[in-house]
Amino acid sequence: MPTDKNVARHDGQIARLEQAMTALAEAQVKTEESTAELKHAMADLAKAQAKTEAEVAKLSAETRALGRQWQAYLNTLPKN
């Protein structure tokens, strides 16, 4: 037959386990929220990167076109 001392010890252990489980559940919720925020931020960064890459490609094409125009102009100058 369990003694009051053993019952009290088990009750204390159960209470500590319940507190630990509650803390773990709260931490899991926070982690899931942080993960969702991180995924959203990563999606935003991917969109920004795609936009930047498109702008860089456009600027690169414009730079090449300007280089060709400059070379064509230089070819019109008299040779000394």
PDB file of N, CA and C in Angstrom:
ATOM      1  N   MET A   1       0.840  -1.175   0.000  1.00  0.00           N
ATOM      2  CA  MET A   1       0.000   0.000   0.000  1.00  0.00           C
ATOM      3  C   MET A   1       0.896   1.253   0.000  1.00  0.00           C
ATOM      4  N   PRO A   2       0.622   2.210  -0.922  1.00  0.00           N
ATOM      5  CA  PRO A   2       1.473   3.383  -0.998  1.00  0.00           C
ATOM      6  C   PRO A   2       1.312   4.274   0.231  1.00  0.00           C
ATOM      7  N   THR A   3       2.400   4.843   0.592  1.00  0.00           N
ATOM      8  CA  THR A   3       2.362   5.763   1.728  1.00  0.00           C
ATOM      9  C   THR A   3       2.071   7.159   1.218  1.00  0.00           C
ATOM     10  N   ASP A   4       1.681   8.021   2.139  1.00  0.00           N
ATOM     11  CA  ASP A   4       1.404   9.416   1.770  1.00  0.00           C
ATOM     12  C   ASP A   4       2.649  10.075   1.196  1.00  0.00           C
ATOM     13  N   LYS A   5       3.812   9.667   1.706  1.00  0.00           N
ATOM     14  CA  LYS A   5       5.079  10.236   1.236  1.00  0.00           C
ATOM     15  C   LYS A   5       5.307   9.891  -0.238  1.00  0.00           C
ATOM     16  N   ASN A   6       5.060   8.634  -0.611  1.00  0.00           N
ATOM     17  CA  ASN A   6       5.226   8.206  -2.007  1.00  0.00           C
ATOM     18  C   ASN A   6       4.204   8.881  -2.919  1.00  0.00           C
ATOM     19  N   VAL A   7       2.988   9.013  -2.469  1.00  0.00           N
ATOM     20  CA  VAL A   7       1.942   9.659  -3.254  1.00  0.00           C
ATOM     21  C   VAL A   7       2.307  11.121  -3.489  1.00  0.00           C
ATOM     22  N   ALA A   8       2.783  11.786  -2.464  1.00  0.00           N
ATOM     23  CA  ALA A   8       3.169  13.190  -2.590  1.00  0.00           C
ATOM     24  C   ALA A   8       4.333  13.332  -3.570  1.00  0.00           C
ATOM     25  N   ARG A   9       5.296  12.401  -3.517  1.00  0.00           N
ATOM     26  CA  ARG A   9       6.434  12.457  -4.429  1.00  0.00           C
ATOM     27  C   ARG A   9       5.964  12.266  -5.871  1.00  0.00           C
ATOM     28  N   HIS A  10       5.092  11.323  -6.096  1.00  0.00           N
ATOM     29  CA  HIS A  10       4.563  11.091  -7.444  1.00  0.00           C
ATOM     30  C   HIS A  10       3.736  12.272  -7.929  1.00  0.00           C
ATOM     31  N   ASP A  11       2.961  12.858  -7.046  1.00  0.00           N
ATOM     32  CA  ASP A  11       2.171  14.037  -7.428  1.00  0.00           C
ATOM     33  C   ASP A  11       3.099  15.176  -7.848  1.00  0.00           C
ATOM     34  N   GLY A  12       4.189  15.344  -7.114  1.00  0.00           N
ATOM     35  CA  GLY A  12       5.151  16.390  -7.459  1.00  0.00           C
ATOM     36  C   GLY A  12       5.800  16.121  -8.804  1.00  0.00           C
ATOM     37  N   GLN A  13       6.153  14.873  -9.061  1.00  0.00           N
ATOM     38  CA  GLN A  13       6.753  14.509 -10.348  1.00  0.00           C
ATOM     39  C   GLN A  13       5.765  14.721 -11.487  1.00  0.00           C
ATOM     40  N   ILE A  14       4.523  14.347 -11.256  1.00  0.00           N
ATOM     41  CA  ILE A  14       3.484  14.535 -12.275  1.00  0.00           C
ATOM     42  C   ILE A  14       3.296  16.020 -12.567  1.00  0.00           C
ATOM     43  N   ALA A  15       3.296  16.847 -11.526  1.00  0.00           N
ATOM     44  CA  ALA A  15       3.127  18.286 -11.720  1.00  0.00           C
ATOM     45  C   ALA A  15       4.294  18.850 -12.531  1.00  0.00           C
ATOM     46  N   ARG A  16       5.526  18.412 -12.223  1.00  0.00           N
ATOM     47  CA  ARG A  16       6.690  18.897 -12.977  1.00  0.00           C
ATOM     48  C   ARG A  16       6.638  18.428 -14.430  1.00  0.00           C
ATOM     49  N   LEU A  17       6.198  17.199 -14.644  1.00  0.00           N
ATOM     50  CA  LEU A  17       6.055  16.699 -16.014  1.00  0.00           C
ATOM     51  C   LEU A  17       4.993  17.487 -16.779  1.00  0.00           C
ATOM     52  N   GLU A  18       3.902  17.797 -16.129  1.00  0.00           N
ATOM     53  CA  GLU A  18       2.853  18.591 -16.776  1.00  0.00           C
ATOM     54  C   GLU A  18       3.371  19.982 -17.142  1.00  0.00           C
ATOM     55  N   GLN A  19       4.153  20.588 -16.232  1.00  0.00           N
ATOM     56  CA  GLN A  19       4.733  21.900 -16.521  1.00  0.00           C
ATOM     57  C   GLN A  19       5.697  21.821 -17.703  1.00  0.00           C
ATOM     58  N   ALA A  20       6.509  20.762 -17.719  1.00  0.00           N
ATOM     59  CA  ALA A  20       7.461  20.595 -18.822  1.00  0.00           C
ATOM     60  C   ALA A  20       6.729  20.380 -20.138  1.00  0.00           C
ATOM     61  N   MET A  21       5.678  19.589 -20.119  1.00  0.00           N
ATOM     62  CA  MET A  21       4.915  19.335 -21.338  1.00  0.00           C
ATOM     63  C   MET A  21       4.233  20.612 -21.825  1.00  0.00           C
ATOM     64  N   THR A  22       3.728  21.419 -20.907  1.00  0.00           N
ATOM     65  CA  THR A  22       3.107  22.690 -21.280  1.00  0.00           C
ATOM     66  C   THR A  22       4.147  23.614 -21.910  1.00  0.00           C
ATOM     67  N   ALA A  23       5.329  23.691 -21.293  1.00  0.00           N
ATOM     68  CA  ALA A  23       6.398  24.535 -21.840  1.00  0.00           C
ATOM     69  C   ALA A  23       6.813  24.049 -23.225  1.00  0.00           C
ATOM     70  N   LEU A  24       6.904  22.745 -23.406  1.00  0.00           N
ATOM     71  CA  LEU A  24       7.268  22.196 -24.721  1.00  0.00           C
ATOM     72  C   LEU A  24       6.194  22.511 -25.762  1.00  0.00           C
ATOM     73  N   ALA A  25       4.929  22.407 -25.389  1.00  0.00           N
ATOM     74  CA  ALA A  25       3.841  22.714 -26.325  1.00  0.00           C
ATOM     75  C   ALA A  25       3.878  24.189 -26.715  1.00  0.00           C
ATOM     76  N   GLU A  26       4.145  25.076 -25.752  1.00  0.00           N
ATOM     77  CA  GLU A  26       4.235  26.504 -26.052  1.00  0.00           C
ATOM     78  C   GLU A  26       5.426  26.783 -26.967  1.00  0.00           C
ATOM     79  N   ALA A  27       6.545  26.105 -26.702  1.00  0.00           N
ATOM     80  CA  ALA A  27       7.725  26.280 -27.543  1.00  0.00           C
ATOM     81  C   ALA A  27       7.457  25.783 -28.956  1.00  0.00           C
ATOM     82  N   GLN A  28       6.709  24.690 -29.085  1.00  0.00           N
ATOM     83  CA  GLN A  28       6.382  24.171 -30.413  1.00  0.00           C
ATOM     84  C   GLN A  28       5.523  25.169 -31.185  1.00  0.00           C
ATOM     85  N   VAL A  29       4.561  25.784 -30.527  1.00  0.00           N
ATOM     86  CA  VAL A  29       3.709  26.779 -31.182  1.00  0.00           C
ATOM     87  C   VAL A  29       4.557  27.953 -31.656  1.00  0.00           C
ATOM     88  N   LYS A  30       5.459  28.439 -30.789  1.00  0.00           N
ATOM     89  CA  LYS A  30       6.330  29.555 -31.165  1.00  0.00           C
ATOM     90  C   LYS A  30       7.223  29.162 -32.338  1.00  0.00           C
ATOM     91  N   THR A  31       7.735  27.940 -32.318  1.00  0.00           N
ATOM     92  CA  THR A  31       8.592  27.468 -33.403  1.00  0.00           C
ATOM     93  C   THR A  31       7.818  27.400 -34.712  1.00  0.00           C
ATOM     94  N   GLU A  32       6.597  26.908 -34.658  1.00  0.00           N
ATOM     95  CA  GLU A  32       5.773  26.836 -35.866  1.00  0.00           C
ATOM     96  C   GLU A  32       5.461  28.237 -36.402  1.00  0.00           C
ATOM     97  N   GLU A  33       5.201  29.183 -35.497  1.00  0.00           N
ATOM     98  CA  GLU A  33       4.943  30.558 -35.935  1.00  0.00           C
ATOM     99  C   GLU A  33       6.204  31.156 -36.564  1.00  0.00           C
ATOM    100  N   SER A  34       7.343  30.922 -35.934  1.00  0.00           N
ATOM    101  CA  SER A  34       8.607  31.428 -36.473  1.00  0.00           C
ATOM    102  C   SER A  34       8.916  30.797 -37.825  1.00  0.00           C
ATOM    103  N   THR A  35       8.629  29.526 -37.955  1.00  0.00           N
ATOM    104  CA  THR A  35       8.854  28.834 -39.226  1.00  0.00           C
ATOM    105  C   THR A  35       7.982  29.427 -40.320  1.00  0.00           C
ATOM    106  N   ALA A  36       6.739  29.717 -40.010  1.00  0.00           N
ATOM    107  CA  ALA A  36       5.836  30.320 -40.997  1.00  0.00           C
ATOM    108  C   ALA A  36       6.341  31.707 -41.403  1.00  0.00           C
ATOM    109  N   GLU A  37       6.798  32.486 -40.418  1.00  0.00           N
ATOM    110  CA  GLU A  37       7.328  33.815 -40.723  1.00  0.00           C
ATOM    111  C   GLU A  37       8.582  33.699 -41.588  1.00  0.00           C
ATOM    112  N   LEU A  38       9.435  32.739 -41.266  1.00  0.00           N
ATOM    113  CA  LEU A  38      10.656  32.540 -42.035  1.00  0.00           C
ATOM    114  C   LEU A  38      10.343  32.125 -43.471  1.00  0.00           C
ATOM    115  N   LYS A  39       9.390  31.235 -43.647  1.00  0.00           N
ATOM    116  CA  LYS A  39       9.000  30.816 -44.998  1.00  0.00           C
ATOM    117  C   LYS A  39       8.458  32.002 -45.796  1.00  0.00           C
ATOM    118  N   HIS A  40       7.685  32.837 -45.145  1.00  0.00           N
ATOM    119  CA  HIS A  40       7.132  34.025 -45.811  1.00  0.00           C
ATOM    120  C   HIS A  40       8.267  34.974 -46.219  1.00  0.00           C
ATOM    121  N   ALA A  41       9.201  35.187 -45.305  1.00  0.00           N
ATOM    122  CA  ALA A  41      10.334  36.068 -45.606  1.00  0.00           C
ATOM    123  C   ALA A  41      11.180  35.493 -46.741  1.00  0.00           C
ATOM    124  N   MET A  42      11.373  34.186 -46.752  1.00  0.00           N
ATOM    125  CA  MET A  42      12.158  33.559 -47.817  1.00  0.00           C
ATOM    126  C   MET A  42      11.458  33.695 -49.169  1.00  0.00           C
ATOM    127  N   ALA A  43      10.140  33.576 -49.171  1.00  0.00           N
ATOM    128  CA  ALA A  43       9.389  33.751 -50.417  1.00  0.00           C
ATOM    129  C   ALA A  43       9.519  35.184 -50.919  1.00  0.00           C
ATOM    130  N   ASP A  44       9.450  36.145 -49.993  1.00  0.00           N
ATOM    131  CA  ASP A  44       9.627  37.553 -50.378  1.00  0.00           C
ATOM    132  C   ASP A  44      11.020  37.784 -50.947  1.00  0.00           C
ATOM    133  N   LEU A  45      12.032  37.186 -50.306  1.00  0.00           N
ATOM    134  CA  LEU A  45      13.402  37.334 -50.804  1.00  0.00           C
ATOM    135  C   LEU A  45      13.574  36.706 -52.184  1.00  0.00           C
ATOM    136  N   ALA A  46      12.950  35.566 -52.402  1.00  0.00           N
ATOM    137  CA  ALA A  46      13.042  34.908 -53.710  1.00  0.00           C
ATOM    138  C   ALA A  46      12.410  35.788 -54.789  1.00  0.00           C
ATOM    139  N   LYS A  47      11.277  36.416 -54.477  1.00  0.00           N
ATOM    140  CA  LYS A  47      10.638  37.319 -55.439  1.00  0.00           C
ATOM    141  C   LYS A  47      11.534  38.521 -55.726  1.00  0.00           C
ATOM    142  N   ALA A  48      12.126  39.074 -54.670  1.00  0.00           N
ATOM    143  CA  ALA A  48      13.017  40.223 -54.848  1.00  0.00           C
ATOM    144  C   ALA A  48      14.247  39.834 -55.664  1.00  0.00           C
ATOM    145  N   GLN A  49      14.766  38.641 -55.422  1.00  0.00           N
ATOM    146  CA  GLN A  49      15.927  38.178 -56.179  1.00  0.00           C
ATOM    147  C   GLN A  49      15.580  38.025 -57.654  1.00  0.00           C
ATOM    148  N   ALA A  50      14.435  37.452 -57.955  1.00  0.00           N
ATOM    149  CA  ALA A  50      14.015  37.286 -59.342  1.00  0.00           C
ATOM    150  C   ALA A  50      13.871  38.647 -60.020  1.00  0.00           C
ATOM    151  N   LYS A  51      13.290  39.591 -59.306  1.00  0.00           N
ATOM    152  CA  LYS A  51      13.125  40.938 -59.859  1.00  0.00           C
ATOM    153  C   LYS A  51      14.487  41.583 -60.102  1.00  0.00           C
ATOM    154  N   THR A  52      15.394  41.439 -59.148  1.00  0.00           N
ATOM    155  CA  THR A  52      16.742  42.001 -59.296  1.00  0.00           C
ATOM    156  C   THR A  52      17.474  41.361 -60.463  1.00  0.00           C
ATOM    157  N   GLU A  53      17.358  40.056 -60.609  1.00  0.00           N
ATOM    158  CA  GLU A  53      18.014  39.368 -61.721  1.00  0.00           C
ATOM    159  C   GLU A  53      17.467  39.849 -63.057  1.00  0.00           C
ATOM    160  N   ALA A  54      16.164  40.086 -63.127  1.00  0.00           N
ATOM    161  CA  ALA A  54      15.569  40.598 -64.362  1.00  0.00           C
ATOM    162  C   ALA A  54      16.082  42.006 -64.657  1.00  0.00           C
ATOM    163  N   GLU A  55      16.191  42.832 -63.619  1.00  0.00           N
ATOM    164  CA  GLU A  55      16.707  44.190 -63.813  1.00  0.00           C
ATOM    165  C   GLU A  55      18.167  44.168 -64.250  1.00  0.00           C
ATOM    166  N   VAL A  56      18.949  43.269 -63.656  1.00  0.00           N
ATOM    167  CA  VAL A  56      20.359  43.149 -64.033  1.00  0.00           C
ATOM    168  C   VAL A  56      20.476  42.698 -65.493  1.00  0.00           C
ATOM    169  N   ALA A  57      19.645  41.744 -65.899  1.00  0.00           N
ATOM    170  CA  ALA A  57      19.669  41.279 -67.285  1.00  0.00           C
ATOM    171  C   ALA A  57      19.317  42.423 -68.235  1.00  0.00           C
ATOM    172  N   LYS A  58      18.314  43.210 -67.874  1.00  0.00           N
ATOM    173  CA  LYS A  58      17.921  44.348 -68.707  1.00  0.00           C
ATOM    174  C   LYS A  58      19.045  45.375 -68.795  1.00  0.00           C
ATOM    175  N   LEU A  59      19.647  45.719 -67.656  1.00  0.00           N
ATOM    176  CA  LEU A  59      20.745  46.685 -67.650  1.00  0.00           C
ATOM    177  C   LEU A  59      21.953  46.159 -68.428  1.00  0.00           C
ATOM    178  N   SER A  60      22.204  44.879 -68.328  1.00  0.00           N
ATOM    179  CA  SER A  60      23.313  44.278 -69.063  1.00  0.00           C
ATOM    180  C   SER A  60      23.076  44.385 -70.572  1.00  0.00           C
ATOM    181  N   ALA A  61      21.852  44.113 -71.000  1.00  0.00           N
ATOM    182  CA  ALA A  61      21.510  44.227 -72.421  1.00  0.00           C
ATOM    183  C   ALA A  61      21.641  45.677 -72.887  1.00  0.00           C
ATOM    184  N   GLU A  62      21.173  46.617 -72.059  1.00  0.00           N
ATOM    185  CA  GLU A  62      21.286  48.030 -72.416  1.00  0.00           C
ATOM    186  C   GLU A  62      22.753  48.459 -72.500  1.00  0.00           C
ATOM    187  N   THR A  63      23.565  47.955 -71.587  1.00  0.00           N
ATOM    188  CA  THR A  63      24.993  48.282 -71.597  1.00  0.00           C
ATOM    189  C   THR A  63      25.661  47.747 -72.864  1.00  0.00           C
ATOM    190  N   ARG A  64      25.322  46.534 -73.248  1.00  0.00           N
ATOM    191  CA  ARG A  64      25.876  45.970 -74.491  1.00  0.00           C
ATOM    192  C   ARG A  64      25.447  46.799 -75.694  1.00  0.00           C
ATOM    193  N   ALA A  65      24.163  47.213 -75.711  1.00  0.00           N
ATOM    194  CA  ALA A  65      23.658  48.022 -76.819  1.00  0.00           C
ATOM    195  C   ALA A  65      24.392  49.362 -76.870  1.00  0.00           C
ATOM    196  N   LEU A  66      24.602  49.973 -75.727  1.00  0.00           N
ATOM    197  CA  LEU A  66      25.344  51.236 -75.690  1.00  0.00           C
ATOM    198  C   LEU A  66      26.785  51.034 -76.148  1.00  0.00           C
ATOM    199  N   GLY A  67      27.367  49.915 -75.786  1.00  0.00           N
ATOM    200  CA  GLY A  67      28.729  49.612 -76.235  1.00  0.00           C
ATOM    201  C   GLY A  67      28.795  49.490 -77.751  1.00  0.00           C
ATOM    202  N   ARG A  68      27.797  48.851 -78.336  1.00  0.00           N
ATOM    203  CA  ARG A  68      27.748  48.727 -79.794  1.00  0.00           C
ATOM    204  C   ARG A  68      27.569  50.091 -80.449  1.00  0.00           C
ATOM    205  N   GLN A  69      26.684  50.923 -79.854  1.00  0.00           N
ATOM    206  CA  GLN A  69      26.482  52.269 -80.396  1.00  0.00           C
ATOM    207  C   GLN A  69      27.770  53.086 -80.297  1.00  0.00           C
ATOM    208  N   TRP A  70      28.466  52.973 -79.194  1.00  0.00           N
ATOM    209  CA  TRP A  70      29.717  53.705 -79.017  1.00  0.00           C
ATOM    210  C   TRP A  70      30.751  53.243 -80.041  1.00  0.00           C
ATOM    211  N   GLN A  71      30.834  51.941 -80.239  1.00  0.00           N
ATOM    212  CA  GLN A  71      31.781  51.402 -81.222  1.00  0.00           C
ATOM    213  C   GLN A  71      31.419  51.870 -82.629  1.00  0.00           C
ATOM    214  N   ALA A  72      30.132  51.890 -82.940  1.00  0.00           N
ATOM    215  CA  ALA A  72      29.699  52.376 -84.257  1.00  0.00           C
ATOM    216  C   ALA A  72      30.071  53.835 -84.427  1.00  0.00           C
ATOM    217  N   TYR A  73      29.896  54.634 -83.385  1.00  0.00           N
ATOM    218  CA  TYR A  73      30.283  56.047 -83.458  1.00  0.00           C
ATOM    219  C   TYR A  73      31.778  56.180 -83.676  1.00  0.00           C
ATOM    220  N   LEU A  74      32.545  55.409 -82.908  1.00  0.00           N
ATOM    221  CA  LEU A  74      34.007  55.467 -83.055  1.00  0.00           C
ATOM    222  C   LEU A  74      34.440  55.082 -84.488  1.00  0.00           C
ATOM    223  N   ASN A  75      33.722  54.184 -85.098  1.00  0.00           N
ATOM    224  CA  ASN A  75      34.053  53.759 -86.464  1.00  0.00           C
ATOM    225  C   ASN A  75      33.756  54.853 -87.480  1.00  0.00           C
ATOM    226  N   THR A  76      32.931  55.847 -87.118  1.00  0.00           N
ATOM    227  CA  THR A  76      32.627  56.948 -88.049  1.00  0.00           C
ATOM    228  C   THR A  76      33.684  58.049 -88.007  1.00  0.00           C
ATOM    229  N   LEU A  77      34.508  58.030 -86.957  1.00  0.00           N
ATOM    230  CA  LEU A  77      35.533  59.083 -86.826  1.00  0.00           C
ATOM    231  C   LEU A  77      36.665  58.839 -87.829  1.00  0.00           C
ATOM    232  N   PRO A  78      37.229  59.907 -88.351  1.00  0.00           N
ATOM    233  CA  PRO A  78      38.330  59.723 -89.286  1.00  0.00           C
ATOM    234  C   PRO A  78      39.530  59.086 -88.586  1.00  0.00           C
ATOM    235  N   LYS A  79      40.201  58.254 -89.318  1.00  0.00           N
ATOM    236  CA  LYS A  79      41.407  57.607 -88.797  1.00  0.00           C
ATOM    237  C   LYS A  79      42.589  58.543 -88.987  1.00  0.00           C
ATOM    238  N   ASN A  80      43.407  58.746 -88.036  1.00  0.00           N
ATOM    239  CA  ASN A  80      44.588  59.627 -88.146  1.00  0.00           C
ATOM    240  C   ASN A  80      45.804  58.824 -88.504  1.00  0.00           C
TER     241      ASN A  80
END
